C-alpha atoms as a PDB file:
ATOM      1  CA  MET A   1       0.000   0.000   0.000  1.00  0.00           C
ATOM      2  CA  ASP A   2       1.018   3.578  -0.610  1.00  0.00           C
ATOM      3  CA  ARG A   3       0.328   6.516   1.663  1.00  0.00           C
ATOM      4  CA  LEU A   4      -0.870   9.935   0.599  1.00  0.00           C
ATOM      5  CA  HIS A   5      -0.184  12.903   2.840  1.00  0.00           C
ATOM      6  CA  VAL A   6      -3.305  15.041   2.393  1.00  0.00           C
ATOM      7  CA  GLY A   7      -3.583  16.992   5.654  1.00  0.00           C
ATOM      8  CA  GLU A   8      -5.642  16.259   8.734  1.00  0.00           C
ATOM      9  CA  ASP A   9      -8.876  17.951   7.588  1.00  0.00           C
ATOM     10  CA  ALA A  10      -9.037  15.928   4.375  1.00  0.00           C
ATOM     11  CA  ALA A  11      -7.982  12.656   5.994  1.00  0.00           C
ATOM     12  CA  ASN A  12     -10.684  13.023   8.650  1.00  0.00           C
ATOM     13  CA  CYS A  13     -13.344  13.282   5.912  1.00  0.00           C
ATOM     14  CA  TRP A  14     -12.179  10.131   4.131  1.00  0.00           C
ATOM     15  CA  LYS A  15     -12.781   7.582   6.820  1.00  0.00           C
ATOM     16  CA  SER A  16     -14.101   4.715   4.735  1.00  0.00           C
ATOM     17  CA  ALA A  17     -12.069   2.154   2.870  1.00  0.00           C
ATOM     18  CA  GLY A  18     -13.242   1.732  -0.710  1.00  0.00           C
ATOM     19  CA  SER A  19     -13.842   5.439  -1.346  1.00  0.00           C
ATOM     20  CA  ARG A  20     -12.658   6.659  -4.732  1.00  0.00           C
ATOM     21  CA  ILE A  21     -10.337   9.650  -4.945  1.00  0.00           C
ATOM     22  CA  MET A  22      -9.105  11.519  -7.998  1.00  0.00           C
ATOM     23  CA  LEU A  23      -5.508  12.717  -8.253  1.00  0.00           C
ATOM     24  CA  SER A  24      -5.037  15.593 -10.666  1.00  0.00           C
ATOM     25  CA  SER A  25      -2.264  15.810 -13.214  1.00  0.00           C
ATOM     26  CA  ASP A  26       1.204  16.858 -12.061  1.00  0.00           C
ATOM     27  CA  THR A  27       2.330  17.621 -15.618  1.00  0.00           C
ATOM     28  CA  TYR A  28       1.197  19.720 -18.573  1.00  0.00           C
ATOM     29  CA  SER A  29      -1.009  16.825 -19.726  1.00  0.00           C
ATOM     30  CA  TRP A  30      -4.638  17.015 -18.569  1.00  0.00           C
ATOM     31  CA  SER A  31      -4.999  13.302 -19.216  1.00  0.00           C
ATOM     32  CA  ASP A  32      -2.457  12.510 -16.499  1.00  0.00           C
ATOM     33  CA  SER A  33      -5.099  12.548 -13.744  1.00  0.00           C
ATOM     34  CA  HIS A  34      -6.435   9.234 -12.462  1.00  0.00           C
ATOM     35  CA  VAL A  35      -8.687   7.603  -9.887  1.00  0.00           C
ATOM     36  CA  GLU A  36      -7.397   5.579  -6.931  1.00  0.00           C
ATOM     37  CA  VAL A  37      -9.154   3.646  -4.142  1.00  0.00           C
ATOM     38  CA  VAL A  38      -8.730   4.337  -0.400  1.00  0.00           C
ATOM     39  CA  ALA A  39      -7.579   1.166   1.320  1.00  0.00           C
ATOM     40  CA  ASP A  40      -7.502   2.461   4.891  1.00  0.00           C
ATOM     41  CA  VAL A  41      -7.226   5.627   6.941  1.00  0.00           C
ATOM     42  CA  PRO A  42      -4.180   5.007   9.144  1.00  0.00           C
ATOM     43  CA  SER A  43      -3.792   6.391  12.629  1.00  0.00           C
ATOM     44  CA  GLU A  44      -1.012   8.718  11.425  1.00  0.00           C
ATOM     45  CA  PRO A  45      -2.643  12.198  11.255  1.00  0.00           C
ATOM     46  CA  GLY A  46      -3.127  13.595   7.760  1.00  0.00           C
ATOM     47  CA  THR A  47      -2.486  10.406   5.812  1.00  0.00           C
ATOM     48  CA  VAL A  48      -4.644   8.090   3.737  1.00  0.00           C
ATOM     49  CA  ALA A  49      -3.572   4.614   2.633  1.00  0.00           C
ATOM     50  CA  VAL A  50      -4.379   3.700  -0.961  1.00  0.00           C
ATOM     51  CA  TYR A  51      -3.857   0.575  -2.977  1.00  0.00           C
ATOM     52  CA  PRO A  52      -0.585   0.845  -4.897  1.00  0.00           C
ATOM     53  CA  LEU A  53      -0.625   4.008  -6.995  1.00  0.00           C
ATOM     54  CA  SER A  54      -0.559   3.510 -10.732  1.00  0.00           C
ATOM     55  CA  LYS A  55       1.800   6.502 -10.941  1.00  0.00           C
ATOM     56  CA  LYS A  56       3.810   8.043  -8.115  1.00  0.00           C
ATOM     57  CA  LYS A  57       3.104  11.736  -7.602  1.00  0.00           C
ATOM     58  CA  SER A  58       4.440  14.412  -5.304  1.00  0.00           C
ATOM     59  CA  ALA A  59       3.373  17.876  -4.217  1.00  0.00           C
ATOM     60  CA  GLU A  60       6.250  19.326  -6.220  1.00  0.00           C
ATOM     61  CA  ASP A  61       6.692  17.867  -9.654  1.00  0.00           C
ATOM     62  CA  GLU A  62      10.166  16.410 -10.043  1.00  0.00           C
ATOM     63  CA  THR A  63      10.383  17.426 -13.712  1.00  0.00           C
ATOM     64  CA  PHE A  64       9.826  21.152 -13.189  1.00  0.00           C
ATOM     65  CA  GLY A  65      10.671  21.419  -9.479  1.00  0.00           C
ATOM     66  CA  TYR A  66       8.091  23.978  -8.351  1.00  0.00           C
ATOM     67  CA  PRO A  67       4.592  23.772  -6.874  1.00  0.00           C
ATOM     68  CA  ASP A  68       2.671  25.043  -9.946  1.00  0.00           C
ATOM     69  CA  PHE A  69       2.153  21.387 -10.798  1.00  0.00           C
ATOM     70  CA  ALA A  70       1.130  20.296  -7.303  1.00  0.00           C
ATOM     71  CA  VAL A  71      -1.274  17.379  -7.307  1.00  0.00           C
ATOM     72  CA  GLU A  72      -4.804  18.035  -6.083  1.00  0.00           C
ATOM     73  CA  VAL A  73      -6.824  15.258  -4.477  1.00  0.00           C
ATOM     74  CA  ALA A  74     -10.630  15.125  -4.597  1.00  0.00           C
ATOM     75  CA  LEU A  75     -13.034  12.695  -2.963  1.00  0.00           C
ATOM     76  CA  LEU A  76     -15.399  11.288  -5.609  1.00  0.00           C
ATOM     77  CA  ASP A  77     -17.708   9.332  -3.284  1.00  0.00           C
ATOM     78  CA  ARG A  78     -19.768  11.596  -1.096  1.00  0.00           C
ATOM     79  CA  SER A  79     -22.882  11.263   0.974  1.00  0.00           C
ATOM     80  CA  LEU A  80     -25.042  14.329   0.690  1.00  0.00           C
ATOM     81  CA  ILE A  81     -27.620  14.861   3.424  1.00  0.00           C
ATOM     82  CA  ILE A  82     -30.134  17.679   3.118  1.00  0.00           C
ATOM     83  CA  GLU A  83     -32.073  18.089   6.332  1.00  0.00           C
ATOM     84  CA  GLY A  84     -34.845  20.537   7.120  1.00  0.00           C
ATOM     85  CA  ALA A  85     -35.575  21.795  10.610  1.00  0.00           C
ATOM     86  CA  LYS A  86     -37.991  19.487  12.385  1.00  0.00           C
ATOM     87  CA  ASP A  87     -41.465  20.974  12.798  1.00  0.00           C
ATOM     88  CA  GLU A  88     -42.484  20.563  16.427  1.00  0.00           C
ATOM     89  CA  GLY A  89     -45.993  21.975  15.912  1.00  0.00           C
ATOM     90  CA  THR A  90     -49.313  20.244  16.401  1.00  0.00           C
ATOM     91  CA  PHE A  91     -49.469  18.792  12.910  1.00  0.00           C
ATOM     92  CA  ALA A  92     -45.718  18.633  12.119  1.00  0.00           C
ATOM     93  CA  THR A  93     -46.250  19.215   8.393  1.00  0.00           C
ATOM     94  CA  LEU A  94     -43.628  21.843   7.627  1.00  0.00           C
ATOM     95  CA  GLY A  95     -40.156  20.769   6.622  1.00  0.00           C
ATOM     96  CA  GLY A  96     -37.348  22.039   4.452  1.00  0.00           C
ATOM     97  CA  HIS A  97     -37.676  22.945   0.787  1.00  0.00           C
ATOM     98  CA  PHE A  98     -34.789  22.491  -1.660  1.00  0.00           C
ATOM     99  CA  ILE A  99     -35.277  24.396  -4.902  1.00  0.00           C
ATOM    100  CA  VAL A 100     -33.064  24.836  -7.952  1.00  0.00           C
ATOM    101  CA  LEU A 101     -34.130  28.108  -9.590  1.00  0.00           C
ATOM    102  CA  HIS A 102     -33.747  29.620 -13.043  1.00  0.00           C
ATOM    103  CA  THR A 103     -31.582  27.120 -14.877  1.00  0.00           C
ATOM    104  CA  PRO A 104     -33.457  26.818 -18.200  1.00  0.00           C
ATOM    105  CA  HIS A 105     -30.504  25.747 -20.354  1.00  0.00           C
ATOM    106  CA  VAL A 106     -28.417  23.923 -17.753  1.00  0.00           C
ATOM    107  CA  HIS A 107     -28.824  20.196 -17.143  1.00  0.00           C
ATOM    108  CA  GLN A 108     -29.353  19.492 -13.440  1.00  0.00           C
ATOM    109  CA  HIS A 109     -28.522  16.148 -11.850  1.00  0.00           C
ATOM    110  CA  LEU A 110     -28.827  15.161  -8.196  1.00  0.00           C
ATOM    111  CA  GLU A 111     -27.795  11.677  -7.160  1.00  0.00           C
ATOM    112  CA  GLY A 112     -27.091   9.963  -3.868  1.00  0.00           C
ATOM    113  CA  ALA A 113     -28.771  12.619  -1.719  1.00  0.00           C
ATOM    114  CA  LEU A 114     -30.643  11.729   1.433  1.00  0.00           C
ATOM    115  CA  MET A 115     -33.357  14.130   2.569  1.00  0.00           C
ATOM    116  CA  TYR A 116     -34.857  14.361   6.050  1.00  0.00           C
ATOM    117  CA  ASN A 117     -37.717  16.553   7.306  1.00  0.00           C
ATOM    118  CA  MET A 118     -38.430  17.892   3.847  1.00  0.00           C
ATOM    119  CA  GLY A 119     -41.616  19.132   2.161  1.00  0.00           C
ATOM    120  CA  GLN A 120     -44.414  21.400   3.283  1.00  0.00           C
ATOM    121  CA  ALA A 121     -47.807  19.708   3.284  1.00  0.00           C
ATOM    122  CA  GLY A 122     -50.660  21.792   1.942  1.00  0.00           C
ATOM    123  CA  LYS A 123     -48.386  24.406   0.321  1.00  0.00           C
ATOM    124  CA  LEU A 124     -48.370  24.392  -3.467  1.00  0.00           C
ATOM    125  CA  GLY A 125     -44.853  24.245  -4.909  1.00  0.00           C
ATOM    126  CA  ARG A 126     -43.180  23.426  -1.599  1.00  0.00           C
ATOM    127  CA  TYR A 127     -42.104  19.908  -2.436  1.00  0.00           C
ATOM    128  CA  PRO A 128     -39.083  18.305  -0.805  1.00  0.00           C
ATOM    129  CA  LEU A 129     -37.107  18.743  -4.047  1.00  0.00           C
ATOM    130  CA  HIS A 130     -38.192  21.278  -6.666  1.00  0.00           C
ATOM    131  CA  PHE A 131     -36.543  22.051 -10.014  1.00  0.00           C
ATOM    132  CA  HIS A 132     -37.839  25.335 -11.423  1.00  0.00           C
ATOM    133  CA  SER A 133     -36.434  26.285 -14.819  1.00  0.00           C
ATOM    134  CA  LYS A 134     -38.419  29.440 -15.599  1.00  0.00           C
END
């Protein structure tokens, strides 16, 4: 296994083995980025263990020797939770409302989101999730 030093904040967010991460290019070639899989989050602060890297990378590219080509790491597997405030009233019918407004020529895609306490019963247009393109 290889270890990536990503900083404590990032390592704390990537606690599950099997998560996919993307490593950006460290060269002039955009196609030099690739996806790796987190094997484990070791106890050493700020590190993530990955299955053997297909290409070794460093924060400073060895070819050019300066940080303009520093590798960026992004978590590709995320859990998105959208949670409205819980209505404590008599009928408990008012929750959150998530709306995407005024995107007539932009494709919208939401996947893997979990919604709690959403929707507003009896209110037209106050659905849990509402795409409004006009």
